[in-house]
Amino acid sequence: MPDTSQREVVESVFERNQRREAEINNALKQEAARREDVIRNMHRLRALRLAPDEKLRSTMAFGGKADMTRT
C-alpha cells in the first residue's frame, strides 16, 4: 500500500513539474516573439525617421534646392 501511495505522489509531482516546464517554455516563446516584433518595429520606425533626411541629402548632393515646405 505505501508503495502505491508514494508512486502516486511521485507521479503527481512529476506531472506538476511537466506542466510548469511547459508553461515556462510557452512564456519564453511568447517573449521571443514580442522581442522580434519590437526589433522589427524599431527598424521600421528608424527607416521612416531617416527617410526624409536621405531625400534631403540626395537633393543637396545634386546641387538642387530642398523643398522645405514639405516634411
PDB file of N, CA and C in Angstrom:
ATOM      1  N   MET A   1       0.811  -1.202   0.000  1.00  0.00           N
ATOM      2  CA  MET A   1       0.000   0.000   0.000  1.00  0.00           C
ATOM      3  C   MET A   1       0.855   1.267   0.000  1.00  0.00           C
ATOM      4  N   PRO A   2       1.877   1.364   0.846  1.00  0.00           N
ATOM      5  CA  PRO A   2       2.681   2.587   0.846  1.00  0.00           C
ATOM      6  C   PRO A   2       3.383   2.822  -0.486  1.00  0.00           C
ATOM      7  N   ASP A   3       3.748   1.745  -1.184  1.00  0.00           N
ATOM      8  CA  ASP A   3       4.402   1.912  -2.481  1.00  0.00           C
ATOM      9  C   ASP A   3       3.467   2.562  -3.491  1.00  0.00           C
ATOM     10  N   THR A   4       2.199   2.184  -3.488  1.00  0.00           N
ATOM     11  CA  THR A   4       1.216   2.745  -4.401  1.00  0.00           C
ATOM     12  C   THR A   4       0.995   4.221  -4.096  1.00  0.00           C
ATOM     13  N   SER A   5       0.880   4.544  -2.839  1.00  0.00           N
ATOM     14  CA  SER A   5       0.666   5.938  -2.440  1.00  0.00           C
ATOM     15  C   SER A   5       1.878   6.797  -2.802  1.00  0.00           C
ATOM     16  N   GLN A   6       3.047   6.279  -2.541  1.00  0.00           N
ATOM     17  CA  GLN A   6       4.268   7.026  -2.847  1.00  0.00           C
ATOM     18  C   GLN A   6       4.407   7.201  -4.356  1.00  0.00           C
ATOM     19  N   ARG A   7       4.063   6.183  -5.121  1.00  0.00           N
ATOM     20  CA  ARG A   7       4.138   6.263  -6.574  1.00  0.00           C
ATOM     21  C   ARG A   7       3.184   7.330  -7.100  1.00  0.00           C
ATOM     22  N   GLU A   8       1.988   7.411  -6.538  1.00  0.00           N
ATOM     23  CA  GLU A   8       1.014   8.425  -6.963  1.00  0.00           C
ATOM     24  C   GLU A   8       1.527   9.822  -6.668  1.00  0.00           C
ATOM     25  N   VAL A   9       2.161   9.985  -5.522  1.00  0.00           N
ATOM     26  CA  VAL A   9       2.709  11.297  -5.165  1.00  0.00           C
ATOM     27  C   VAL A   9       3.826  11.673  -6.130  1.00  0.00           C
ATOM     28  N   VAL A  10       4.697  10.718  -6.417  1.00  0.00           N
ATOM     29  CA  VAL A  10       5.812  10.986  -7.325  1.00  0.00           C
ATOM     30  C   VAL A  10       5.280  11.334  -8.712  1.00  0.00           C
ATOM     31  N   GLU A  11       4.285  10.594  -9.193  1.00  0.00           N
ATOM     32  CA  GLU A  11       3.697  10.892 -10.499  1.00  0.00           C
ATOM     33  C   GLU A  11       3.025  12.249 -10.493  1.00  0.00           C
ATOM     34  N   SER A  12       2.375  12.581  -9.398  1.00  0.00           N
ATOM     35  CA  SER A  12       1.708  13.872  -9.299  1.00  0.00           C
ATOM     36  C   SER A  12       2.733  15.011  -9.357  1.00  0.00           C
ATOM     37  N   VAL A  13       3.822  14.859  -8.637  1.00  0.00           N
ATOM     38  CA  VAL A  13       4.875  15.878  -8.644  1.00  0.00           C
ATOM     39  C   VAL A  13       5.497  15.971 -10.036  1.00  0.00           C
ATOM     40  N   PHE A  14       5.723  14.820 -10.656  1.00  0.00           N
ATOM     41  CA  PHE A  14       6.302  14.797 -11.999  1.00  0.00           C
ATOM     42  C   PHE A  14       5.397  15.514 -12.994  1.00  0.00           C
ATOM     43  N   GLU A  15       4.092  15.236 -12.949  1.00  0.00           N
ATOM     44  CA  GLU A  15       3.145  15.897 -13.855  1.00  0.00           C
ATOM     45  C   GLU A  15       3.094  17.391 -13.608  1.00  0.00           C
ATOM     46  N   ARG A  16       3.121  17.787 -12.342  1.00  0.00           N
ATOM     47  CA  ARG A  16       3.109  19.214 -11.998  1.00  0.00           C
ATOM     48  C   ARG A  16       4.363  19.894 -12.548  1.00  0.00           C
ATOM     49  N   ASN A  17       5.507  19.221 -12.411  1.00  0.00           N
ATOM     50  CA  ASN A  17       6.752  19.786 -12.939  1.00  0.00           C
ATOM     51  C   ASN A  17       6.712  19.875 -14.466  1.00  0.00           C
ATOM     52  N   GLN A  18       6.123  18.887 -15.110  1.00  0.00           N
ATOM     53  CA  GLN A  18       5.994  18.938 -16.567  1.00  0.00           C
ATOM     54  C   GLN A  18       5.110  20.101 -17.001  1.00  0.00           C
ATOM     55  N   ARG A  19       3.999  20.305 -16.307  1.00  0.00           N
ATOM     56  CA  ARG A  19       3.118  21.437 -16.642  1.00  0.00           C
ATOM     57  C   ARG A  19       3.850  22.761 -16.437  1.00  0.00           C
ATOM     58  N   ARG A  20       4.591  22.861 -15.348  1.00  0.00           N
ATOM     59  CA  ARG A  20       5.336  24.091 -15.070  1.00  0.00           C
ATOM     60  C   ARG A  20       6.365  24.344 -16.171  1.00  0.00           C
ATOM     61  N   GLU A  21       7.080  23.305 -16.574  1.00  0.00           N
ATOM     62  CA  GLU A  21       8.066  23.450 -17.650  1.00  0.00           C
ATOM     63  C   GLU A  21       7.402  23.874 -18.952  1.00  0.00           C
ATOM     64  N   ALA A  22       6.243  23.298 -19.254  1.00  0.00           N
ATOM     65  CA  ALA A  22       5.516  23.662 -20.474  1.00  0.00           C
ATOM     66  C   ALA A  22       5.090  25.121 -20.417  1.00  0.00           C
ATOM     67  N   GLU A  23       4.619  25.581 -19.261  1.00  0.00           N
ATOM     68  CA  GLU A  23       4.212  26.984 -19.123  1.00  0.00           C
ATOM     69  C   GLU A  23       5.405  27.913 -19.282  1.00  0.00           C
ATOM     70  N   ILE A  24       6.537  27.527 -18.713  1.00  0.00           N
ATOM     71  CA  ILE A  24       7.749  28.346 -18.832  1.00  0.00           C
ATOM     72  C   ILE A  24       8.197  28.413 -20.283  1.00  0.00           C
ATOM     73  N   ASN A  25       8.195  27.271 -20.959  1.00  0.00           N
ATOM     74  CA  ASN A  25       8.594  27.262 -22.375  1.00  0.00           C
ATOM     75  C   ASN A  25       7.666  28.104 -23.222  1.00  0.00           C
ATOM     76  N   ASN A  26       6.374  28.031 -22.933  1.00  0.00           N
ATOM     77  CA  ASN A  26       5.405  28.848 -23.667  1.00  0.00           C
ATOM     78  C   ASN A  26       5.669  30.336 -23.429  1.00  0.00           C
ATOM     79  N   ALA A  27       5.923  30.701 -22.183  1.00  0.00           N
ATOM     80  CA  ALA A  27       6.207  32.108 -21.860  1.00  0.00           C
ATOM     81  C   ALA A  27       7.483  32.581 -22.557  1.00  0.00           C
ATOM     82  N   LEU A  28       8.496  31.712 -22.616  1.00  0.00           N
ATOM     83  CA  LEU A  28       9.737  32.084 -23.297  1.00  0.00           C
ATOM     84  C   LEU A  28       9.516  32.282 -24.794  1.00  0.00           C
ATOM     85  N   LYS A  29       8.693  31.437 -25.398  1.00  0.00           N
ATOM     86  CA  LYS A  29       8.379  31.597 -26.818  1.00  0.00           C
ATOM     87  C   LYS A  29       7.634  32.904 -27.068  1.00  0.00           C
ATOM     88  N   GLN A  30       6.677  33.227 -26.187  1.00  0.00           N
ATOM     89  CA  GLN A  30       5.934  34.479 -26.338  1.00  0.00           C
ATOM     90  C   GLN A  30       6.860  35.676 -26.188  1.00  0.00           C
ATOM     91  N   GLU A  31       7.768  35.607 -25.232  1.00  0.00           N
ATOM     92  CA  GLU A  31       8.705  36.713 -25.022  1.00  0.00           C
ATOM     93  C   GLU A  31       9.619  36.881 -26.231  1.00  0.00           C
ATOM     94  N   ALA A  32      10.069  35.783 -26.810  1.00  0.00           N
ATOM     95  CA  ALA A  32      10.918  35.864 -28.003  1.00  0.00           C
ATOM     96  C   ALA A  32      10.151  36.483 -29.167  1.00  0.00           C
ATOM     97  N   ALA A  33       8.885  36.128 -29.313  1.00  0.00           N
ATOM     98  CA  ALA A  33       8.064  36.703 -30.387  1.00  0.00           C
ATOM     99  C   ALA A  33       7.865  38.196 -30.161  1.00  0.00           C
ATOM    100  N   ARG A  34       7.611  38.587 -28.914  1.00  0.00           N
ATOM    101  CA  ARG A  34       7.465  40.028 -28.618  1.00  0.00           C
ATOM    102  C   ARG A  34       8.749  40.777 -28.927  1.00  0.00           C
ATOM    103  N   ARG A  35       9.864  40.194 -28.551  1.00  0.00           N
ATOM    104  CA  ARG A  35      11.157  40.844 -28.792  1.00  0.00           C
ATOM    105  C   ARG A  35      11.401  41.017 -30.291  1.00  0.00           C
ATOM    106  N   GLU A  36      11.070  39.997 -31.079  1.00  0.00           N
ATOM    107  CA  GLU A  36      11.213  40.109 -32.529  1.00  0.00           C
ATOM    108  C   GLU A  36      10.334  41.226 -33.074  1.00  0.00           C
ATOM    109  N   ASP A  37       9.108  41.329 -32.565  1.00  0.00           N
ATOM    110  CA  ASP A  37       8.202  42.393 -33.015  1.00  0.00           C
ATOM    111  C   ASP A  37       8.740  43.769 -32.648  1.00  0.00           C
ATOM    112  N   VAL A  38       9.285  43.889 -31.455  1.00  0.00           N
ATOM    113  CA  VAL A  38       9.828  45.176 -31.013  1.00  0.00           C
ATOM    114  C   VAL A  38      10.999  45.582 -31.897  1.00  0.00           C
ATOM    115  N   ILE A  39      11.880  44.637 -32.180  1.00  0.00           N
ATOM    116  CA  ILE A  39      13.037  44.950 -33.021  1.00  0.00           C
ATOM    117  C   ILE A  39      12.596  45.301 -34.434  1.00  0.00           C
ATOM    118  N   ARG A  40      11.627  44.568 -34.964  1.00  0.00           N
ATOM    119  CA  ARG A  40      11.111  44.862 -36.308  1.00  0.00           C
ATOM    120  C   ARG A  40      10.517  46.272 -36.340  1.00  0.00           C
ATOM    121  N   ASN A  41       9.740  46.625 -35.314  1.00  0.00           N
ATOM    122  CA  ASN A  41       9.147  47.966 -35.239  1.00  0.00           C
ATOM    123  C   ASN A  41      10.227  49.037 -35.111  1.00  0.00           C
ATOM    124  N   MET A  42      11.246  48.765 -34.303  1.00  0.00           N
ATOM    125  CA  MET A  42      12.323  49.729 -34.113  1.00  0.00           C
ATOM    126  C   MET A  42      13.002  50.032 -35.453  1.00  0.00           C
ATOM    127  N   HIS A  43      13.292  48.980 -36.223  1.00  0.00           N
ATOM    128  CA  HIS A  43      13.931  49.195 -37.520  1.00  0.00           C
ATOM    129  C   HIS A  43      13.004  49.920 -38.490  1.00  0.00           C
ATOM    130  N   ARG A  44      11.725  49.588 -38.452  1.00  0.00           N
ATOM    131  CA  ARG A  44      10.763  50.248 -39.332  1.00  0.00           C
ATOM    132  C   ARG A  44      10.669  51.736 -39.001  1.00  0.00           C
ATOM    133  N   LEU A  45      10.572  52.048 -37.709  1.00  0.00           N
ATOM    134  CA  LEU A  45      10.471  53.455 -37.303  1.00  0.00           C
ATOM    135  C   LEU A  45      11.757  54.216 -37.604  1.00  0.00           C
ATOM    136  N   ARG A  46      12.883  53.563 -37.429  1.00  0.00           N
ATOM    137  CA  ARG A  46      14.157  54.214 -37.750  1.00  0.00           C
ATOM    138  C   ARG A  46      14.218  54.523 -39.238  1.00  0.00           C
ATOM    139  N   ALA A  47      13.788  53.577 -40.060  1.00  0.00           N
ATOM    140  CA  ALA A  47      13.797  53.800 -41.503  1.00  0.00           C
ATOM    141  C   ALA A  47      12.865  54.952 -41.874  1.00  0.00           C
ATOM    142  N   LEU A  48      11.708  55.008 -41.240  1.00  0.00           N
ATOM    143  CA  LEU A  48      10.776  56.104 -41.518  1.00  0.00           C
ATOM    144  C   LEU A  48      11.353  57.449 -41.079  1.00  0.00           C
ATOM    145  N   ARG A  49      12.029  57.440 -39.933  1.00  0.00           N
ATOM    146  CA  ARG A  49      12.606  58.681 -39.427  1.00  0.00           C
ATOM    147  C   ARG A  49      13.741  59.162 -40.319  1.00  0.00           C
ATOM    148  N   LEU A  50      14.522  58.234 -40.851  1.00  0.00           N
ATOM    149  CA  LEU A  50      15.673  58.621 -41.670  1.00  0.00           C
ATOM    150  C   LEU A  50      15.314  58.874 -43.122  1.00  0.00           C
ATOM    151  N   ALA A  51      14.170  58.425 -43.569  1.00  0.00           N
ATOM    152  CA  ALA A  51      13.791  58.567 -44.977  1.00  0.00           C
ATOM    153  C   ALA A  51      13.801  60.022 -45.452  1.00  0.00           C
ATOM    154  N   PRO A  52      13.188  60.966 -44.753  1.00  0.00           N
ATOM    155  CA  PRO A  52      13.226  62.364 -45.234  1.00  0.00           C
ATOM    156  C   PRO A  52      14.648  62.919 -45.248  1.00  0.00           C
ATOM    157  N   ASP A  53      15.488  62.531 -44.302  1.00  0.00           N
ATOM    158  CA  ASP A  53      16.857  63.007 -44.276  1.00  0.00           C
ATOM    159  C   ASP A  53      17.619  62.537 -45.502  1.00  0.00           C
ATOM    160  N   GLU A  54      17.415  61.284 -45.896  1.00  0.00           N
ATOM    161  CA  GLU A  54      18.091  60.766 -47.072  1.00  0.00           C
ATOM    162  C   GLU A  54      17.636  61.502 -48.326  1.00  0.00           C
ATOM    163  N   LYS A  55      16.357  61.805 -48.417  1.00  0.00           N
ATOM    164  CA  LYS A  55      15.838  62.546 -49.568  1.00  0.00           C
ATOM    165  C   LYS A  55      16.461  63.940 -49.605  1.00  0.00           C
ATOM    166  N   LEU A  56      16.546  64.574 -48.455  1.00  0.00           N
ATOM    167  CA  LEU A  56      17.138  65.903 -48.374  1.00  0.00           C
ATOM    168  C   LEU A  56      18.610  65.859 -48.762  1.00  0.00           C
ATOM    169  N   ARG A  57      19.355  64.874 -48.267  1.00  0.00           N
ATOM    170  CA  ARG A  57      20.771  64.770 -48.591  1.00  0.00           C
ATOM    171  C   ARG A  57      20.989  64.522 -50.079  1.00  0.00           C
ATOM    172  N   SER A  58      20.165  63.654 -50.670  1.00  0.00           N
ATOM    173  CA  SER A  58      20.346  63.372 -52.097  1.00  0.00           C
ATOM    174  C   SER A  58      20.024  64.611 -52.935  1.00  0.00           C
ATOM    175  N   THR A  59      19.071  65.409 -52.519  1.00  0.00           N
ATOM    176  CA  THR A  59      18.727  66.634 -53.239  1.00  0.00           C
ATOM    177  C   THR A  59      19.878  67.629 -53.138  1.00  0.00           C
ATOM    178  N   MET A  60      20.464  67.747 -51.945  1.00  0.00           N
ATOM    179  CA  MET A  60      21.569  68.678 -51.750  1.00  0.00           C
ATOM    180  C   MET A  60      22.821  68.212 -52.487  1.00  0.00           C
ATOM    181  N   ALA A  61      23.012  66.919 -52.600  1.00  0.00           N
ATOM    182  CA  ALA A  61      24.206  66.400 -53.258  1.00  0.00           C
ATOM    183  C   ALA A  61      24.207  66.724 -54.751  1.00  0.00           C
ATOM    184  N   PHE A  62      23.034  66.836 -55.347  1.00  0.00           N
ATOM    185  CA  PHE A  62      22.948  67.132 -56.769  1.00  0.00           C
ATOM    186  C   PHE A  62      22.854  68.635 -57.040  1.00  0.00           C
ATOM    187  N   GLY A  63      23.005  69.445 -56.030  1.00  0.00           N
ATOM    188  CA  GLY A  63      23.016  70.881 -56.218  1.00  0.00           C
ATOM    189  C   GLY A  63      21.637  71.502 -56.316  1.00  0.00           C
ATOM    190  N   GLY A  64      20.613  70.721 -56.090  1.00  0.00           N
ATOM    191  CA  GLY A  64      19.253  71.261 -56.150  1.00  0.00           C
ATOM    192  C   GLY A  64      18.873  71.867 -54.818  1.00  0.00           C
ATOM    193  N   LYS A  65      17.802  72.598 -54.841  1.00  0.00           N
ATOM    194  CA  LYS A  65      17.296  73.184 -53.600  1.00  0.00           C
ATOM    195  C   LYS A  65      16.312  72.228 -52.973  1.00  0.00           C
ATOM    196  N   ALA A  66      16.390  72.117 -51.680  1.00  0.00           N
ATOM    197  CA  ALA A  66      15.453  71.257 -50.970  1.00  0.00           C
ATOM    198  C   ALA A  66      14.142  71.997 -50.814  1.00  0.00           C
ATOM    199  N   ASP A  67      13.078  71.295 -50.999  1.00  0.00           N
ATOM    200  CA  ASP A  67      11.744  71.865 -50.806  1.00  0.00           C
ATOM    201  C   ASP A  67      11.419  71.821 -49.314  1.00  0.00           C
ATOM    202  N   MET A  68      11.602  72.920 -48.625  1.00  0.00           N
ATOM    203  CA  MET A  68      11.421  72.949 -47.165  1.00  0.00           C
ATOM    204  C   MET A  68       9.946  73.073 -46.780  1.00  0.00           C
ATOM    205  N   THR A  69       9.039  73.231 -47.756  1.00  0.00           N
ATOM    206  CA  THR A  69       7.638  73.331 -47.413  1.00  0.00           C
ATOM    207  C   THR A  69       7.055  71.962 -47.116  1.00  0.00           C
ATOM    208  N   ARG A  70       7.689  70.924 -47.596  1.00  0.00           N
ATOM    209  CA  ARG A  70       7.219  69.557 -47.335  1.00  0.00           C
ATOM    210  C   ARG A  70       8.016  68.953 -46.205  1.00  0.00           C
ATOM    211  N   THR A  71       7.336  68.193 -45.375  1.00  0.00           N
ATOM    212  CA  THR A  71       8.022  67.479 -44.300  1.00  0.00           C
ATOM    213  C   THR A  71       7.497  66.099 -44.159  1.00  0.00           C
TER     214      THR A  71
END
